[in-house]
């Protein structure tokens, strides 16, 4: 079986993709994406879900009201 350039690129990129995903999860950057996935799973549609701006505003307001939900 011959290895193509795309196979090599895929194999090489896989660990970097995993690190990128992990850092976004730790930093909270994936929070909106996770919210959308959860909303879609529960409701079957994204209609009625919060927009990106509203989501982040509500999240930061909640963190301000409840400072124990974050480390700093």
PDB file of N, CA and C in Angstrom:
ATOM      1  N   UNK A   1       0.850  -1.180   0.000  1.00  0.00           N
ATOM      2  CA  UNK A   1       0.000   0.000   0.000  1.00  0.00           C
ATOM      3  C   UNK A   1       0.888   1.234   0.000  1.00  0.00           C
ATOM      4  N   UNK A   2       0.678   2.126  -0.930  1.00  0.00           N
ATOM      5  CA  UNK A   2       1.517   3.319  -1.005  1.00  0.00           C
ATOM      6  C   UNK A   2       0.923   4.435  -0.149  1.00  0.00           C
ATOM      7  N   UNK A   3       1.804   5.219   0.417  1.00  0.00           N
ATOM      8  CA  UNK A   3       1.395   6.345   1.242  1.00  0.00           C
ATOM      9  C   UNK A   3       1.411   7.603   0.386  1.00  0.00           C
ATOM     10  N   UNK A   4       0.289   8.286   0.356  1.00  0.00           N
ATOM     11  CA  UNK A   4       0.200   9.507  -0.440  1.00  0.00           C
ATOM     12  C   UNK A   4       0.511  10.713   0.434  1.00  0.00           C
ATOM     13  N   UNK A   5       0.693  11.842  -0.206  1.00  0.00           N
ATOM     14  CA  UNK A   5       0.983  13.081   0.520  1.00  0.00           C
ATOM     15  C   UNK A   5      -0.159  13.444   1.465  1.00  0.00           C
ATOM     16  N   UNK A   6      -1.387  13.198   1.046  1.00  0.00           N
ATOM     17  CA  UNK A   6      -2.521  13.522   1.916  1.00  0.00           C
ATOM     18  C   UNK A   6      -2.556  12.616   3.146  1.00  0.00           C
ATOM     19  N   UNK A   7      -2.129  11.357   2.997  1.00  0.00           N
ATOM     20  CA  UNK A   7      -2.043  10.456   4.145  1.00  0.00           C
ATOM     21  C   UNK A   7      -1.010  10.962   5.147  1.00  0.00           C
ATOM     22  N   UNK A   8       0.133  11.379   4.642  1.00  0.00           N
ATOM     23  CA  UNK A   8       1.198  11.891   5.508  1.00  0.00           C
ATOM     24  C   UNK A   8       0.733  13.153   6.222  1.00  0.00           C
ATOM     25  N   UNK A   9       0.069  14.038   5.491  1.00  0.00           N
ATOM     26  CA  UNK A   9      -0.434  15.271   6.088  1.00  0.00           C
ATOM     27  C   UNK A   9      -1.458  14.968   7.173  1.00  0.00           C
ATOM     28  N   UNK A  10      -2.351  14.037   6.912  1.00  0.00           N
ATOM     29  CA  UNK A  10      -3.376  13.667   7.892  1.00  0.00           C
ATOM     30  C   UNK A  10      -2.735  13.093   9.153  1.00  0.00           C
ATOM     31  N   UNK A  11      -1.761  12.214   8.992  1.00  0.00           N
ATOM     32  CA  UNK A  11      -1.074  11.599  10.130  1.00  0.00           C
ATOM     33  C   UNK A  11      -0.302  12.648  10.923  1.00  0.00           C
ATOM     34  N   UNK A  12       0.353  13.561  10.222  1.00  0.00           N
ATOM     35  CA  UNK A  12       1.141  14.600  10.876  1.00  0.00           C
ATOM     36  C   UNK A  12       0.252  15.611  11.595  1.00  0.00           C
ATOM     37  N   UNK A  13      -0.885  15.949  11.020  1.00  0.00           N
ATOM     38  CA  UNK A  13      -1.755  16.976  11.580  1.00  0.00           C
ATOM     39  C   UNK A  13      -2.582  16.482  12.759  1.00  0.00           C
ATOM     40  N   UNK A  14      -2.787  15.183  12.870  1.00  0.00           N
ATOM     41  CA  UNK A  14      -3.675  14.638  13.898  1.00  0.00           C
ATOM     42  C   UNK A  14      -3.287  15.057  15.320  1.00  0.00           C
ATOM     43  N   UNK A  15      -2.022  14.941  15.742  1.00  0.00           N
ATOM     44  CA  UNK A  15      -1.687  15.364  17.105  1.00  0.00           C
ATOM     45  C   UNK A  15      -1.880  16.868  17.319  1.00  0.00           C
ATOM     46  N   UNK A  16      -1.589  17.667  16.300  1.00  0.00           N
ATOM     47  CA  UNK A  16      -1.764  19.111  16.428  1.00  0.00           C
ATOM     48  C   UNK A  16      -3.241  19.471  16.550  1.00  0.00           C
ATOM     49  N   UNK A  17      -4.076  18.763  15.820  1.00  0.00           N
ATOM     50  CA  UNK A  17      -5.512  18.981  15.903  1.00  0.00           C
ATOM     51  C   UNK A  17      -6.020  18.639  17.298  1.00  0.00           C
ATOM     52  N   UNK A  18      -5.520  17.562  17.872  1.00  0.00           N
ATOM     53  CA  UNK A  18      -5.922  17.160  19.217  1.00  0.00           C
ATOM     54  C   UNK A  18      -5.494  18.197  20.253  1.00  0.00           C
ATOM     55  N   UNK A  19      -4.282  18.705  20.134  1.00  0.00           N
ATOM     56  CA  UNK A  19      -3.796  19.733  21.070  1.00  0.00           C
ATOM     57  C   UNK A  19      -4.628  21.002  20.917  1.00  0.00           C
ATOM     58  N   UNK A  20      -4.921  21.397  19.691  1.00  0.00           N
ATOM     59  CA  UNK A  20      -5.733  22.588  19.425  1.00  0.00           C
ATOM     60  C   UNK A  20      -7.111  22.442  20.066  1.00  0.00           C
ATOM     61  N   UNK A  21      -7.756  21.278  19.878  1.00  0.00           N
ATOM     62  CA  UNK A  21      -9.067  21.029  20.464  1.00  0.00           C
ATOM     63  C   UNK A  21      -8.984  21.085  21.990  1.00  0.00           C
ATOM     64  N   UNK A  22      -7.967  20.460  22.561  1.00  0.00           N
ATOM     65  CA  UNK A  22      -7.806  20.418  24.014  1.00  0.00           C
ATOM     66  C   UNK A  22      -7.633  21.822  24.592  1.00  0.00           C
ATOM     67  N   UNK A  23      -6.815  22.642  23.958  1.00  0.00           N
ATOM     68  CA  UNK A  23      -6.588  24.003  24.441  1.00  0.00           C
ATOM     69  C   UNK A  23      -7.872  24.835  24.351  1.00  0.00           C
ATOM     70  N   UNK A  24      -8.662  24.632  23.316  1.00  0.00           N
ATOM     71  CA  UNK A  24      -9.931  25.363  23.198  1.00  0.00           C
ATOM     72  C   UNK A  24     -10.925  24.913  24.268  1.00  0.00           C
ATOM     73  N   UNK A  25     -10.911  23.636  24.617  1.00  0.00           N
ATOM     74  CA  UNK A  25     -11.784  23.146  25.685  1.00  0.00           C
ATOM     75  C   UNK A  25     -11.363  23.717  27.039  1.00  0.00           C
ATOM     76  N   UNK A  26     -10.068  23.713  27.316  1.00  0.00           N
ATOM     77  CA  UNK A  26      -9.560  24.221  28.587  1.00  0.00           C
ATOM     78  C   UNK A  26      -9.835  25.713  28.724  1.00  0.00           C
ATOM     79  N   UNK A  27      -9.626  26.465  27.652  1.00  0.00           N
ATOM     80  CA  UNK A  27      -9.804  27.921  27.703  1.00  0.00           C
ATOM     81  C   UNK A  27     -11.272  28.338  27.671  1.00  0.00           C
ATOM     82  N   UNK A  28     -12.151  27.445  27.279  1.00  0.00           N
ATOM     83  CA  UNK A  28     -13.569  27.768  27.200  1.00  0.00           C
ATOM     84  C   UNK A  28     -13.994  28.305  25.845  1.00  0.00           C
ATOM     85  N   UNK A  29     -13.084  28.337  24.891  1.00  0.00           N
ATOM     86  CA  UNK A  29     -13.393  28.875  23.566  1.00  0.00           C
ATOM     87  C   UNK A  29     -14.443  28.036  22.840  1.00  0.00           C
ATOM     88  N   UNK A  30     -14.591  26.778  23.188  1.00  0.00           N
ATOM     89  CA  UNK A  30     -15.575  25.901  22.544  1.00  0.00           C
ATOM     90  C   UNK A  30     -16.937  25.939  23.233  1.00  0.00           C
ATOM     91  N   UNK A  31     -17.114  26.811  24.209  1.00  0.00           N
ATOM     92  CA  UNK A  31     -18.352  26.834  24.983  1.00  0.00           C
ATOM     93  C   UNK A  31     -19.582  27.061  24.104  1.00  0.00           C
ATOM     94  N   UNK A  32     -19.496  27.986  23.162  1.00  0.00           N
ATOM     95  CA  UNK A  32     -20.649  28.268  22.300  1.00  0.00           C
ATOM     96  C   UNK A  32     -20.961  27.085  21.393  1.00  0.00           C
ATOM     97  N   UNK A  33     -19.931  26.464  20.850  1.00  0.00           N
ATOM     98  CA  UNK A  33     -20.124  25.288  19.994  1.00  0.00           C
ATOM     99  C   UNK A  33     -20.766  24.158  20.798  1.00  0.00           C
ATOM    100  N   UNK A  34     -20.288  23.949  22.019  1.00  0.00           N
ATOM    101  CA  UNK A  34     -20.862  22.908  22.876  1.00  0.00           C
ATOM    102  C   UNK A  34     -22.308  23.229  23.241  1.00  0.00           C
ATOM    103  N   UNK A  35     -22.602  24.522  23.479  1.00  0.00           N
ATOM    104  CA  UNK A  35     -23.976  24.942  23.766  1.00  0.00           C
ATOM    105  C   UNK A  35     -24.888  24.617  22.582  1.00  0.00           C
ATOM    106  N   UNK A  36     -24.431  24.946  21.367  1.00  0.00           N
ATOM    107  CA  UNK A  36     -25.240  24.673  20.177  1.00  0.00           C
ATOM    108  C   UNK A  36     -25.484  23.179  19.994  1.00  0.00           C
ATOM    109  N   UNK A  37     -24.458  22.367  20.195  1.00  0.00           N
ATOM    110  CA  UNK A  37     -24.620  20.913  20.066  1.00  0.00           C
ATOM    111  C   UNK A  37     -25.625  20.396  21.087  1.00  0.00           C
ATOM    112  N   UNK A  38     -25.519  20.876  22.318  1.00  0.00           N
ATOM    113  CA  UNK A  38     -26.424  20.449  23.376  1.00  0.00           C
ATOM    114  C   UNK A  38     -27.857  20.891  23.078  1.00  0.00           C
ATOM    115  N   UNK A  39     -28.019  22.128  22.644  1.00  0.00           N
ATOM    116  CA  UNK A  39     -29.349  22.649  22.317  1.00  0.00           C
ATOM    117  C   UNK A  39     -29.982  21.844  21.185  1.00  0.00           C
ATOM    118  N   UNK A  40     -29.200  21.568  20.165  1.00  0.00           N
ATOM    119  CA  UNK A  40     -29.692  20.793  19.024  1.00  0.00           C
ATOM    120  C   UNK A  40     -30.099  19.381  19.449  1.00  0.00           C
ATOM    121  N   UNK A  41     -29.308  18.770  20.324  1.00  0.00           N
ATOM    122  CA  UNK A  41     -29.621  17.433  20.818  1.00  0.00           C
ATOM    123  C   UNK A  41     -30.936  17.432  21.603  1.00  0.00           C
ATOM    124  N   UNK A  42     -31.144  18.463  22.432  1.00  0.00           N
ATOM    125  CA  UNK A  42     -32.334  18.511  23.278  1.00  0.00           C
ATOM    126  C   UNK A  42     -33.591  18.940  22.531  1.00  0.00           C
ATOM    127  N   UNK A  43     -33.454  19.869  21.567  1.00  0.00           N
ATOM    128  CA  UNK A  43     -34.624  20.452  20.915  1.00  0.00           C
ATOM    129  C   UNK A  43     -34.814  20.016  19.466  1.00  0.00           C
ATOM    130  N   UNK A  44     -33.793  19.438  18.861  1.00  0.00           N
ATOM    131  CA  UNK A  44     -33.915  18.982  17.480  1.00  0.00           C
ATOM    132  C   UNK A  44     -33.751  20.081  16.444  1.00  0.00           C
ATOM    133  N   UNK A  45     -33.593  21.309  16.889  1.00  0.00           N
ATOM    134  CA  UNK A  45     -33.400  22.454  15.996  1.00  0.00           C
ATOM    135  C   UNK A  45     -32.646  23.542  16.751  1.00  0.00           C
ATOM    136  N   UNK A  46     -31.995  24.414  16.002  1.00  0.00           N
ATOM    137  CA  UNK A  46     -31.312  25.549  16.637  1.00  0.00           C
ATOM    138  C   UNK A  46     -32.221  26.769  16.720  1.00  0.00           C
ATOM    139  N   UNK A  47     -33.414  26.653  16.163  1.00  0.00           N
ATOM    140  CA  UNK A  47     -34.356  27.765  16.232  1.00  0.00           C
ATOM    141  C   UNK A  47     -34.719  28.025  17.689  1.00  0.00           C
ATOM    142  N   UNK A  48     -34.602  29.266  18.105  1.00  0.00           N
ATOM    143  CA  UNK A  48     -34.897  29.633  19.486  1.00  0.00           C
ATOM    144  C   UNK A  48     -33.672  29.628  20.382  1.00  0.00           C
ATOM    145  N   UNK A  49     -32.540  29.156  19.878  1.00  0.00           N
ATOM    146  CA  UNK A  49     -31.321  29.162  20.699  1.00  0.00           C
ATOM    147  C   UNK A  49     -30.729  30.567  20.729  1.00  0.00           C
ATOM    148  N   UNK A  50     -29.851  30.808  21.674  1.00  0.00           N
ATOM    149  CA  UNK A  50     -29.197  32.103  21.805  1.00  0.00           C
ATOM    150  C   UNK A  50     -28.210  32.299  20.662  1.00  0.00           C
ATOM    151  N   UNK A  51     -28.055  33.539  20.262  1.00  0.00           N
ATOM    152  CA  UNK A  51     -27.017  33.877  19.299  1.00  0.00           C
ATOM    153  C   UNK A  51     -25.672  33.913  20.013  1.00  0.00           C
ATOM    154  N   UNK A  52     -24.614  34.021  19.240  1.00  0.00           N
ATOM    155  CA  UNK A  52     -23.267  33.995  19.806  1.00  0.00           C
ATOM    156  C   UNK A  52     -23.057  35.130  20.813  1.00  0.00           C
ATOM    157  N   UNK A  53     -23.437  36.329  20.441  1.00  0.00           N
ATOM    158  CA  UNK A  53     -23.250  37.484  21.325  1.00  0.00           C
ATOM    159  C   UNK A  53     -24.048  37.327  22.615  1.00  0.00           C
ATOM    160  N   UNK A  54     -25.306  36.922  22.511  1.00  0.00           N
ATOM    161  CA  UNK A  54     -26.157  36.735  23.684  1.00  0.00           C
ATOM    162  C   UNK A  54     -25.607  35.624  24.585  1.00  0.00           C
ATOM    163  N   UNK A  55     -25.132  34.538  23.977  1.00  0.00           N
ATOM    164  CA  UNK A  55     -24.566  33.441  24.754  1.00  0.00           C
ATOM    165  C   UNK A  55     -23.381  33.916  25.586  1.00  0.00           C
ATOM    166  N   UNK A  56     -22.426  34.604  24.930  1.00  0.00           N
ATOM    167  CA  UNK A  56     -21.228  35.046  25.651  1.00  0.00           C
ATOM    168  C   UNK A  56     -21.569  36.082  26.712  1.00  0.00           C
ATOM    169  N   UNK A  57     -22.528  36.971  26.431  1.00  0.00           N
ATOM    170  CA  UNK A  57     -22.941  37.964  27.422  1.00  0.00           C
ATOM    171  C   UNK A  57     -23.542  37.268  28.643  1.00  0.00           C
ATOM    172  N   UNK A  58     -24.437  36.309  28.413  1.00  0.00           N
ATOM    173  CA  UNK A  58     -25.045  35.572  29.523  1.00  0.00           C
ATOM    174  C   UNK A  58     -24.005  34.778  30.306  1.00  0.00           C
ATOM    175  N   UNK A  59     -23.057  34.176  29.600  1.00  0.00           N
ATOM    176  CA  UNK A  59     -22.020  33.391  30.270  1.00  0.00           C
ATOM    177  C   UNK A  59     -21.147  34.273  31.162  1.00  0.00           C
ATOM    178  N   UNK A  60     -20.709  35.414  30.650  1.00  0.00           N
ATOM    179  CA  UNK A  60     -19.866  36.299  31.468  1.00  0.00           C
ATOM    180  C   UNK A  60     -20.661  36.911  32.612  1.00  0.00           C
ATOM    181  N   UNK A  61     -21.938  37.223  32.390  1.00  0.00           N
ATOM    182  CA  UNK A  61     -22.777  37.721  33.486  1.00  0.00           C
ATOM    183  C   UNK A  61     -22.902  36.671  34.583  1.00  0.00           C
ATOM    184  N   UNK A  62     -23.108  35.415  34.196  1.00  0.00           N
ATOM    185  CA  UNK A  62     -23.203  34.324  35.174  1.00  0.00           C
ATOM    186  C   UNK A  62     -21.894  34.162  35.931  1.00  0.00           C
ATOM    187  N   UNK A  63     -20.776  34.279  35.248  1.00  0.00           N
ATOM    188  CA  UNK A  63     -19.476  34.166  35.911  1.00  0.00           C
ATOM    189  C   UNK A  63     -19.252  35.323  36.875  1.00  0.00           C
ATOM    190  N   UNK A  64     -19.750  36.508  36.541  1.00  0.00           N
ATOM    191  CA  UNK A  64     -19.641  37.649  37.452  1.00  0.00           C
ATOM    192  C   UNK A  64     -20.513  37.450  38.685  1.00  0.00           C
ATOM    193  N   UNK A  65     -21.707  36.878  38.505  1.00  0.00           N
ATOM    194  CA  UNK A  65     -22.596  36.611  39.640  1.00  0.00           C
ATOM    195  C   UNK A  65     -22.083  35.467  40.505  1.00  0.00           C
ATOM    196  N   UNK A  66     -21.380  34.523  39.899  1.00  0.00           N
ATOM    197  CA  UNK A  66     -20.915  33.333  40.603  1.00  0.00           C
ATOM    198  C   UNK A  66     -19.416  33.164  40.359  1.00  0.00           C
ATOM    199  N   UNK A  67     -18.572  33.917  41.069  1.00  0.00           N
ATOM    200  CA  UNK A  67     -17.132  33.884  40.786  1.00  0.00           C
ATOM    201  C   UNK A  67     -16.457  32.552  41.089  1.00  0.00           C
ATOM    202  N   UNK A  68     -17.117  31.632  41.753  1.00  0.00           N
ATOM    203  CA  UNK A  68     -16.498  30.330  42.029  1.00  0.00           C
ATOM    204  C   UNK A  68     -16.490  29.437  40.798  1.00  0.00           C
ATOM    205  N   UNK A  69     -17.161  29.871  39.728  1.00  0.00           N
ATOM    206  CA  UNK A  69     -17.222  29.035  38.528  1.00  0.00           C
ATOM    207  C   UNK A  69     -15.981  29.161  37.661  1.00  0.00           C
ATOM    208  N   UNK A  70     -15.012  29.941  38.096  1.00  0.00           N
ATOM    209  CA  UNK A  70     -13.764  30.068  37.342  1.00  0.00           C
ATOM    210  C   UNK A  70     -12.599  30.219  38.307  1.00  0.00           C
ATOM    211  N   UNK A  71     -11.420  30.037  37.797  1.00  0.00           N
ATOM    212  CA  UNK A  71     -10.252  30.026  38.676  1.00  0.00           C
ATOM    213  C   UNK A  71      -9.733  31.425  38.989  1.00  0.00           C
ATOM    214  N   UNK A  72      -9.938  32.394  38.113  1.00  0.00           N
ATOM    215  CA  UNK A  72      -9.330  33.719  38.309  1.00  0.00           C
ATOM    216  C   UNK A  72     -10.361  34.825  38.371  1.00  0.00           C
TER     217      UNK A  72
END
